[in-house]
């Protein structure tokens, strides 16, 4: 006897994960309807999908600017993807906006661990944007948020560079 998964459960899992209908349905079937386990399966799959795309060239994208209320702190970030089609999607634009907000709020010094000069005594989790806890969900890193978006849009995404400005500094 096969398990029947209600459409409402598939829809709920889709809203939580951003995964496709069939991916959500299959994850729920695998876990016999357990939402938490299905969400974990989808997270593992999205990480695997992101790892498969890591070597793809990212020549398209956008530059996003964020100015904090009051106008005394601002940030600009270049986020790249593979095609201009994805660069124009709401998911990609939203990611770029959240990353610019992260730069303004947390003030990273480097994009990734590889950029830290050898011999520096800097804590990578604080200094590197990709390793920082996400300001809207500290249980996730910025790299996790990027990987989730990669799974949604189906393309590699990279942060190329950023700049942060603060009045008087």
N, C-alpha and C. Protein backbone atom coordinates (compact mmCIF):
# COMPACT_ATOMS: atom_id res chain seq x y z
N UNK A 1 0.84 -1.19 0.00
CA UNK A 1 0.00 0.00 0.00
C UNK A 1 0.88 1.25 0.00
N UNK A 2 0.63 2.17 -0.91
CA UNK A 2 1.44 3.38 -0.97
C UNK A 2 0.79 4.49 -0.14
N UNK A 3 1.62 5.31 0.43
CA UNK A 3 1.17 6.41 1.29
C UNK A 3 0.66 7.56 0.43
N UNK A 4 -0.49 8.10 0.78
CA UNK A 4 -1.04 9.26 0.05
C UNK A 4 -0.65 10.52 0.82
N UNK A 5 0.05 11.40 0.15
CA UNK A 5 0.49 12.66 0.75
C UNK A 5 -0.50 13.76 0.36
N UNK A 6 -1.11 14.42 1.35
CA UNK A 6 -2.04 15.51 1.04
C UNK A 6 -1.34 16.67 0.32
N UNK A 7 -2.03 17.25 -0.63
CA UNK A 7 -1.49 18.38 -1.39
C UNK A 7 -1.12 19.53 -0.46
N UNK A 8 -1.88 19.71 0.60
CA UNK A 8 -1.60 20.80 1.55
C UNK A 8 -0.23 20.63 2.21
N UNK A 9 0.15 19.37 2.49
CA UNK A 9 1.47 19.11 3.09
C UNK A 9 2.59 19.41 2.10
N UNK A 10 2.38 19.03 0.84
CA UNK A 10 3.37 19.30 -0.20
C UNK A 10 3.53 20.81 -0.35
N UNK A 11 2.41 21.53 -0.36
CA UNK A 11 2.44 22.99 -0.50
C UNK A 11 3.18 23.63 0.68
N UNK A 12 2.90 23.16 1.89
CA UNK A 12 3.55 23.70 3.09
C UNK A 12 5.07 23.47 3.04
N UNK A 13 5.47 22.26 2.65
CA UNK A 13 6.90 21.95 2.56
C UNK A 13 7.56 22.79 1.48
N UNK A 14 6.85 23.00 0.39
CA UNK A 14 7.36 23.84 -0.70
C UNK A 14 7.61 25.26 -0.23
N UNK A 15 6.68 25.80 0.55
CA UNK A 15 6.81 27.17 1.06
C UNK A 15 7.99 27.28 2.02
N UNK A 16 8.22 26.24 2.82
CA UNK A 16 9.33 26.25 3.77
C UNK A 16 10.68 26.07 3.10
N UNK A 17 10.72 25.25 2.05
CA UNK A 17 12.01 24.88 1.47
C UNK A 17 12.34 25.57 0.15
N UNK A 18 11.32 25.97 -0.59
CA UNK A 18 11.55 26.53 -1.91
C UNK A 18 11.82 25.48 -2.96
N UNK A 19 11.73 24.21 -2.60
CA UNK A 19 11.98 23.11 -3.53
C UNK A 19 10.78 22.91 -4.45
N UNK A 20 10.97 22.14 -5.51
CA UNK A 20 9.90 21.87 -6.46
C UNK A 20 8.85 20.93 -5.90
N UNK A 21 7.71 20.87 -6.57
CA UNK A 21 6.59 20.04 -6.12
C UNK A 21 6.99 18.57 -6.00
N UNK A 22 7.60 18.02 -7.05
CA UNK A 22 7.98 16.60 -7.03
C UNK A 22 9.05 16.31 -5.98
N UNK A 23 9.98 17.22 -5.81
CA UNK A 23 11.01 17.05 -4.78
C UNK A 23 10.38 16.98 -3.39
N UNK A 24 9.43 17.87 -3.13
CA UNK A 24 8.74 17.89 -1.83
C UNK A 24 7.91 16.62 -1.65
N UNK A 25 7.19 16.24 -2.69
CA UNK A 25 6.35 15.04 -2.61
C UNK A 25 7.21 13.81 -2.34
N UNK A 26 8.31 13.67 -3.07
CA UNK A 26 9.20 12.51 -2.88
C UNK A 26 9.83 12.49 -1.49
N UNK A 27 10.21 13.66 -0.99
CA UNK A 27 10.79 13.74 0.36
C UNK A 27 9.76 13.33 1.40
N UNK A 28 8.52 13.76 1.22
CA UNK A 28 7.45 13.38 2.16
C UNK A 28 7.14 11.88 2.07
N UNK A 29 7.18 11.33 0.87
CA UNK A 29 6.98 9.88 0.72
C UNK A 29 8.10 9.10 1.41
N UNK A 30 9.34 9.57 1.22
CA UNK A 30 10.50 8.92 1.84
C UNK A 30 10.41 8.90 3.35
N UNK A 31 9.85 9.97 3.91
CA UNK A 31 9.80 10.10 5.38
C UNK A 31 8.42 9.77 5.94
N UNK A 32 7.57 9.18 5.10
CA UNK A 32 6.21 8.79 5.50
C UNK A 32 5.43 9.97 6.07
N UNK A 33 5.61 11.14 5.46
CA UNK A 33 4.84 12.32 5.84
C UNK A 33 5.43 13.17 6.94
N UNK A 34 6.62 12.83 7.43
CA UNK A 34 7.26 13.61 8.51
C UNK A 34 7.88 14.89 7.92
N UNK A 35 7.28 16.04 8.26
CA UNK A 35 7.72 17.33 7.69
C UNK A 35 9.17 17.66 8.05
N UNK A 36 9.55 17.47 9.31
CA UNK A 36 10.91 17.82 9.74
C UNK A 36 11.96 16.99 9.01
N UNK A 37 11.73 15.69 8.93
CA UNK A 37 12.68 14.82 8.23
C UNK A 37 12.73 15.14 6.74
N UNK A 38 11.56 15.44 6.16
CA UNK A 38 11.50 15.79 4.74
C UNK A 38 12.28 17.07 4.47
N UNK A 39 12.17 18.04 5.37
CA UNK A 39 12.91 19.30 5.24
C UNK A 39 14.41 19.04 5.30
N UNK A 40 14.84 18.16 6.19
CA UNK A 40 16.27 17.80 6.29
C UNK A 40 16.77 17.15 5.00
N UNK A 41 15.97 16.25 4.45
CA UNK A 41 16.34 15.60 3.19
C UNK A 41 16.50 16.64 2.09
N UNK A 42 15.56 17.57 2.01
CA UNK A 42 15.64 18.61 0.97
C UNK A 42 16.85 19.50 1.17
N UNK A 43 17.21 19.80 2.41
CA UNK A 43 18.40 20.62 2.68
C UNK A 43 19.66 19.90 2.21
N UNK A 44 19.75 18.61 2.49
CA UNK A 44 20.91 17.83 2.05
C UNK A 44 21.00 17.79 0.53
N UNK A 45 19.86 17.62 -0.11
CA UNK A 45 19.83 17.60 -1.58
C UNK A 45 20.23 18.94 -2.17
N UNK A 46 19.79 20.03 -1.54
CA UNK A 46 20.13 21.36 -2.07
C UNK A 46 21.62 21.63 -1.92
N UNK A 47 22.23 21.15 -0.82
CA UNK A 47 23.68 21.30 -0.65
C UNK A 47 24.41 20.51 -1.73
N UNK A 48 23.95 19.31 -2.01
CA UNK A 48 24.55 18.49 -3.06
C UNK A 48 24.43 19.18 -4.42
N UNK A 49 23.25 19.75 -4.70
CA UNK A 49 23.05 20.46 -5.96
C UNK A 49 23.99 21.66 -6.06
N UNK A 50 24.16 22.38 -4.96
CA UNK A 50 25.05 23.55 -4.95
C UNK A 50 26.49 23.13 -5.21
N UNK A 51 26.91 22.01 -4.61
CA UNK A 51 28.28 21.54 -4.80
C UNK A 51 28.53 21.13 -6.25
N UNK A 52 27.52 20.59 -6.92
CA UNK A 52 27.67 20.19 -8.32
C UNK A 52 27.85 21.40 -9.23
N UNK A 53 27.36 22.56 -8.82
CA UNK A 53 27.38 23.75 -9.67
C UNK A 53 28.55 24.69 -9.36
N UNK A 54 29.35 24.38 -8.35
CA UNK A 54 30.37 25.31 -7.86
C UNK A 54 31.41 25.72 -8.91
N UNK A 55 31.69 24.88 -9.88
CA UNK A 55 32.72 25.20 -10.87
C UNK A 55 32.17 25.94 -12.09
N UNK A 56 30.89 26.13 -12.15
CA UNK A 56 30.30 26.84 -13.29
C UNK A 56 30.68 28.32 -13.25
N UNK A 57 30.90 28.90 -14.42
CA UNK A 57 31.32 30.30 -14.54
C UNK A 57 30.13 31.22 -14.30
N UNK A 58 30.37 32.26 -13.50
CA UNK A 58 29.32 33.23 -13.17
C UNK A 58 29.72 34.60 -13.71
N UNK A 59 29.19 34.96 -14.87
CA UNK A 59 29.55 36.24 -15.49
C UNK A 59 28.41 37.26 -15.48
N UNK A 60 27.23 36.83 -15.10
CA UNK A 60 26.08 37.74 -15.02
C UNK A 60 25.82 38.06 -13.55
N UNK A 61 24.85 38.90 -13.28
CA UNK A 61 24.51 39.20 -11.90
C UNK A 61 24.05 40.63 -11.73
N UNK A 62 24.11 41.10 -10.48
CA UNK A 62 23.71 42.47 -10.18
C UNK A 62 24.61 43.06 -9.10
N UNK A 63 24.58 44.38 -9.04
CA UNK A 63 25.20 45.10 -7.94
C UNK A 63 24.05 45.67 -7.13
N UNK A 64 24.00 45.31 -5.87
CA UNK A 64 22.92 45.75 -4.98
C UNK A 64 23.48 46.73 -3.96
N UNK A 65 22.71 47.78 -3.70
CA UNK A 65 23.10 48.77 -2.69
C UNK A 65 22.05 48.77 -1.58
N UNK A 66 22.52 48.94 -0.36
CA UNK A 66 21.62 49.05 0.79
C UNK A 66 22.08 50.24 1.63
N UNK A 67 21.17 51.13 1.93
CA UNK A 67 21.46 52.26 2.80
C UNK A 67 20.58 52.10 4.03
N UNK A 68 21.20 52.04 5.20
CA UNK A 68 20.46 51.85 6.44
C UNK A 68 19.66 53.10 6.78
N UNK A 69 18.57 52.93 7.50
CA UNK A 69 17.73 54.04 7.93
C UNK A 69 18.59 55.12 8.58
N UNK A 70 18.39 56.35 8.18
CA UNK A 70 19.19 57.45 8.70
C UNK A 70 20.32 57.83 7.75
N UNK A 71 20.68 56.92 6.86
CA UNK A 71 21.67 57.22 5.85
C UNK A 71 23.11 57.30 6.33
N UNK A 72 23.43 56.74 7.48
CA UNK A 72 24.81 56.83 7.98
C UNK A 72 25.63 55.56 7.71
N UNK A 73 24.99 54.48 7.29
CA UNK A 73 25.70 53.25 6.94
C UNK A 73 25.13 52.75 5.61
N UNK A 74 26.03 52.33 4.73
CA UNK A 74 25.59 51.78 3.45
C UNK A 74 26.51 50.67 3.00
N UNK A 75 26.02 49.84 2.10
CA UNK A 75 26.83 48.75 1.57
C UNK A 75 26.46 48.51 0.12
N UNK A 76 27.45 48.09 -0.65
CA UNK A 76 27.24 47.66 -2.04
C UNK A 76 27.87 46.28 -2.18
N UNK A 77 27.21 45.43 -2.96
CA UNK A 77 27.71 44.07 -3.13
C UNK A 77 27.48 43.62 -4.57
N UNK A 78 28.46 42.92 -5.12
CA UNK A 78 28.33 42.33 -6.46
C UNK A 78 28.07 40.85 -6.28
N UNK A 79 26.91 40.40 -6.75
CA UNK A 79 26.52 39.00 -6.67
C UNK A 79 26.36 38.49 -8.10
N UNK A 80 27.05 37.40 -8.41
CA UNK A 80 27.06 36.89 -9.78
C UNK A 80 26.34 35.55 -9.90
N UNK A 81 25.80 35.31 -11.10
CA UNK A 81 25.16 34.05 -11.44
C UNK A 81 25.55 33.71 -12.88
N UNK A 82 24.97 32.67 -13.43
CA UNK A 82 25.37 32.21 -14.76
C UNK A 82 24.66 32.94 -15.91
N UNK A 83 23.40 33.31 -15.72
CA UNK A 83 22.63 33.92 -16.81
C UNK A 83 21.92 35.19 -16.36
N UNK A 84 21.66 36.07 -17.32
CA UNK A 84 20.91 37.29 -17.00
C UNK A 84 19.46 36.98 -16.64
N UNK A 85 18.95 35.85 -17.12
CA UNK A 85 17.59 35.44 -16.76
C UNK A 85 17.47 35.27 -15.25
N UNK A 86 18.39 34.54 -14.64
CA UNK A 86 18.36 34.34 -13.19
C UNK A 86 18.64 35.64 -12.46
N UNK A 87 19.53 36.47 -13.00
CA UNK A 87 19.85 37.75 -12.35
C UNK A 87 18.62 38.64 -12.23
N UNK A 88 17.63 38.44 -13.08
CA UNK A 88 16.42 39.26 -13.04
C UNK A 88 15.31 38.65 -12.17
N UNK A 89 15.52 37.47 -11.62
CA UNK A 89 14.47 36.83 -10.82
C UNK A 89 14.36 37.49 -9.44
N UNK A 90 13.17 37.41 -8.88
CA UNK A 90 12.94 37.97 -7.55
C UNK A 90 13.80 37.27 -6.49
N UNK A 91 13.98 35.94 -6.61
CA UNK A 91 14.78 35.20 -5.64
C UNK A 91 16.22 35.71 -5.61
N UNK A 92 16.78 35.93 -6.79
CA UNK A 92 18.17 36.39 -6.87
C UNK A 92 18.30 37.82 -6.34
N UNK A 93 17.38 38.69 -6.73
CA UNK A 93 17.41 40.08 -6.26
C UNK A 93 17.24 40.16 -4.75
N UNK A 94 16.36 39.32 -4.22
CA UNK A 94 16.15 39.29 -2.76
C UNK A 94 17.41 38.82 -2.05
N UNK A 95 18.07 37.79 -2.59
CA UNK A 95 19.32 37.32 -2.01
C UNK A 95 20.34 38.45 -1.98
N UNK A 96 20.52 39.14 -3.09
CA UNK A 96 21.50 40.23 -3.16
C UNK A 96 21.18 41.32 -2.14
N UNK A 97 19.90 41.63 -1.98
CA UNK A 97 19.49 42.66 -1.01
C UNK A 97 19.83 42.21 0.42
N UNK A 98 19.51 40.97 0.75
CA UNK A 98 19.81 40.46 2.09
C UNK A 98 21.32 40.41 2.35
N UNK A 99 22.09 40.09 1.32
CA UNK A 99 23.55 40.07 1.48
C UNK A 99 24.09 41.48 1.71
N UNK A 100 23.55 42.47 1.00
CA UNK A 100 23.97 43.86 1.21
C UNK A 100 23.62 44.31 2.63
N UNK A 101 22.45 43.91 3.12
CA UNK A 101 22.07 44.23 4.50
C UNK A 101 23.03 43.58 5.49
N UNK A 102 23.43 42.35 5.23
CA UNK A 102 24.37 41.63 6.09
C UNK A 102 25.70 42.37 6.16
N UNK A 103 26.19 42.83 5.01
CA UNK A 103 27.45 43.57 4.97
C UNK A 103 27.34 44.85 5.78
N UNK A 104 26.23 45.57 5.63
CA UNK A 104 26.04 46.82 6.38
C UNK A 104 25.98 46.55 7.88
N UNK A 105 25.31 45.48 8.28
CA UNK A 105 25.09 45.20 9.70
C UNK A 105 26.29 44.59 10.40
N UNK A 106 26.97 43.66 9.77
CA UNK A 106 27.99 42.86 10.45
C UNK A 106 29.42 43.25 10.08
N UNK A 107 29.61 43.98 9.01
CA UNK A 107 30.91 44.52 8.62
C UNK A 107 32.00 43.45 8.41
N UNK A 108 31.78 42.52 7.48
CA UNK A 108 32.84 41.55 7.20
C UNK A 108 34.01 42.22 6.49
N UNK A 109 35.17 41.58 6.55
CA UNK A 109 36.36 42.12 5.90
C UNK A 109 36.67 41.42 4.58
N UNK A 110 36.26 40.16 4.47
CA UNK A 110 36.58 39.34 3.31
C UNK A 110 35.33 38.60 2.84
N UNK A 111 35.33 38.18 1.59
CA UNK A 111 34.22 37.37 1.09
C UNK A 111 34.34 35.95 1.65
N UNK A 112 35.53 35.34 1.51
CA UNK A 112 35.70 33.95 1.92
C UNK A 112 37.00 33.76 2.70
N UNK A 113 37.14 32.60 3.29
CA UNK A 113 38.31 32.23 4.08
C UNK A 113 39.59 32.32 3.24
N UNK A 114 39.50 32.00 1.96
CA UNK A 114 40.67 31.99 1.07
C UNK A 114 41.29 33.38 0.90
N UNK A 115 40.54 34.43 1.17
CA UNK A 115 41.05 35.80 1.01
C UNK A 115 41.85 36.30 2.21
N UNK A 116 41.78 35.60 3.33
CA UNK A 116 42.51 36.04 4.53
C UNK A 116 44.00 35.83 4.28
N UNK A 117 44.81 36.89 4.47
CA UNK A 117 46.25 36.74 4.28
C UNK A 117 46.83 35.67 5.22
N UNK A 118 47.73 34.87 4.68
CA UNK A 118 48.34 33.81 5.47
C UNK A 118 49.06 34.39 6.69
N UNK A 119 48.86 33.77 7.82
CA UNK A 119 49.51 34.21 9.05
C UNK A 119 48.70 35.21 9.86
N UNK A 120 47.62 35.76 9.29
CA UNK A 120 46.76 36.68 10.05
C UNK A 120 46.02 35.93 11.14
N UNK A 121 45.86 36.59 12.26
CA UNK A 121 45.18 35.99 13.41
C UNK A 121 43.71 36.41 13.47
N UNK A 122 43.05 36.36 12.34
CA UNK A 122 41.66 36.80 12.24
C UNK A 122 40.75 35.59 12.37
N UNK A 123 39.65 35.76 13.10
CA UNK A 123 38.67 34.69 13.23
C UNK A 123 37.81 34.65 11.96
N UNK A 124 37.93 33.59 11.16
CA UNK A 124 37.23 33.52 9.87
C UNK A 124 35.71 33.68 9.98
N UNK A 125 35.09 33.12 11.03
CA UNK A 125 33.63 33.18 11.17
C UNK A 125 33.13 34.60 11.36
N UNK A 126 33.99 35.49 11.81
CA UNK A 126 33.62 36.89 11.99
C UNK A 126 34.02 37.72 10.78
N UNK A 127 35.19 37.44 10.23
CA UNK A 127 35.76 38.28 9.18
C UNK A 127 35.25 37.94 7.77
N UNK A 128 34.80 36.71 7.55
CA UNK A 128 34.41 36.27 6.21
C UNK A 128 32.89 36.26 6.05
N UNK A 129 32.41 36.98 5.07
CA UNK A 129 30.97 37.07 4.82
C UNK A 129 30.32 35.70 4.70
N UNK A 130 30.89 34.80 3.91
CA UNK A 130 30.26 33.51 3.66
C UNK A 130 30.16 32.63 4.90
N UNK A 131 30.99 32.88 5.89
CA UNK A 131 31.00 32.06 7.11
C UNK A 131 30.19 32.67 8.25
N UNK A 132 29.75 33.91 8.09
CA UNK A 132 29.01 34.59 9.15
C UNK A 132 27.62 34.00 9.33
N UNK A 133 27.13 34.01 10.59
CA UNK A 133 25.72 33.64 10.80
C UNK A 133 24.83 34.68 10.11
N UNK A 134 23.78 34.23 9.47
CA UNK A 134 22.85 35.09 8.76
C UNK A 134 22.06 35.91 9.78
N UNK A 135 21.97 37.22 9.58
CA UNK A 135 21.33 38.09 10.58
C UNK A 135 19.84 37.78 10.77
N UNK A 136 19.19 37.23 9.77
CA UNK A 136 17.76 36.91 9.90
C UNK A 136 17.51 35.50 10.42
N UNK A 137 18.54 34.65 10.44
CA UNK A 137 18.43 33.29 10.96
C UNK A 137 19.82 32.82 11.37
N UNK A 138 20.23 33.10 12.61
CA UNK A 138 21.59 32.78 13.07
C UNK A 138 21.96 31.29 13.03
N UNK A 139 20.97 30.41 12.83
CA UNK A 139 21.28 28.98 12.72
C UNK A 139 21.87 28.64 11.35
N UNK A 140 21.80 29.59 10.41
CA UNK A 140 22.33 29.38 9.06
C UNK A 140 23.48 30.36 8.81
N UNK A 141 24.41 29.93 7.97
CA UNK A 141 25.47 30.85 7.54
C UNK A 141 25.04 31.50 6.23
N UNK A 142 25.78 32.51 5.82
CA UNK A 142 25.51 33.16 4.54
C UNK A 142 25.67 32.15 3.40
N UNK A 143 26.67 31.26 3.51
CA UNK A 143 26.85 30.23 2.48
C UNK A 143 25.63 29.33 2.40
N UNK A 144 25.01 29.01 3.54
CA UNK A 144 23.78 28.20 3.54
C UNK A 144 22.67 28.90 2.77
N UNK A 145 22.52 30.21 2.98
CA UNK A 145 21.48 30.99 2.31
C UNK A 145 21.74 31.00 0.80
N UNK A 146 22.99 31.16 0.42
CA UNK A 146 23.35 31.14 -1.01
C UNK A 146 23.06 29.76 -1.60
N UNK A 147 23.42 28.70 -0.88
CA UNK A 147 23.16 27.33 -1.36
C UNK A 147 21.67 27.07 -1.56
N UNK A 148 20.85 27.59 -0.66
CA UNK A 148 19.40 27.43 -0.80
C UNK A 148 18.90 28.13 -2.07
N UNK A 149 19.45 29.30 -2.35
CA UNK A 149 19.05 30.02 -3.56
C UNK A 149 19.55 29.31 -4.80
N UNK A 150 20.75 28.73 -4.75
CA UNK A 150 21.27 27.94 -5.86
C UNK A 150 20.31 26.79 -6.17
N UNK A 151 19.81 26.13 -5.13
CA UNK A 151 18.88 25.02 -5.33
C UNK A 151 17.57 25.51 -5.95
N UNK A 152 17.13 26.71 -5.59
CA UNK A 152 15.88 27.25 -6.13
C UNK A 152 16.01 27.66 -7.60
N UNK A 153 17.11 28.35 -7.93
CA UNK A 153 17.24 28.91 -9.28
C UNK A 153 17.98 27.99 -10.25
N UNK A 154 18.70 27.01 -9.73
CA UNK A 154 19.38 26.04 -10.58
C UNK A 154 20.67 26.52 -11.21
N UNK A 155 21.26 27.58 -10.67
CA UNK A 155 22.52 28.10 -11.20
C UNK A 155 23.50 28.37 -10.06
N UNK A 156 24.78 28.38 -10.42
CA UNK A 156 25.81 28.75 -9.46
C UNK A 156 25.67 30.24 -9.12
N UNK A 157 25.92 30.58 -7.88
CA UNK A 157 25.88 31.97 -7.42
C UNK A 157 27.13 32.23 -6.60
N UNK A 158 27.77 33.36 -6.86
CA UNK A 158 28.97 33.74 -6.12
C UNK A 158 28.93 35.20 -5.74
N UNK A 159 29.50 35.51 -4.59
CA UNK A 159 29.71 36.90 -4.19
C UNK A 159 31.11 37.27 -4.65
N UNK A 160 31.21 38.30 -5.50
CA UNK A 160 32.52 38.69 -6.02
C UNK A 160 33.23 39.67 -5.10
N UNK A 161 32.49 40.69 -4.66
CA UNK A 161 33.11 41.72 -3.81
C UNK A 161 32.02 42.55 -3.16
N UNK A 162 32.44 43.31 -2.17
CA UNK A 162 31.51 44.21 -1.49
C UNK A 162 32.28 45.39 -0.92
N UNK A 163 31.54 46.43 -0.58
CA UNK A 163 32.12 47.60 0.09
C UNK A 163 31.11 48.08 1.12
N UNK A 164 31.62 48.56 2.24
CA UNK A 164 30.77 49.08 3.31
C UNK A 164 31.23 50.48 3.63
N UNK A 165 30.27 51.37 3.80
CA UNK A 165 30.57 52.77 4.09
C UNK A 165 29.85 53.18 5.37
N UNK A 166 30.56 53.96 6.19
CA UNK A 166 29.96 54.49 7.41
C UNK A 166 30.42 55.92 7.58
N UNK A 167 29.47 56.82 7.83
CA UNK A 167 29.81 58.23 8.01
C UNK A 167 30.83 58.39 9.13
N UNK A 168 31.82 59.22 8.89
CA UNK A 168 32.80 59.55 9.92
C UNK A 168 33.87 58.51 10.15
N UNK A 169 33.95 57.48 9.32
CA UNK A 169 35.03 56.50 9.56
C UNK A 169 36.01 56.46 8.42
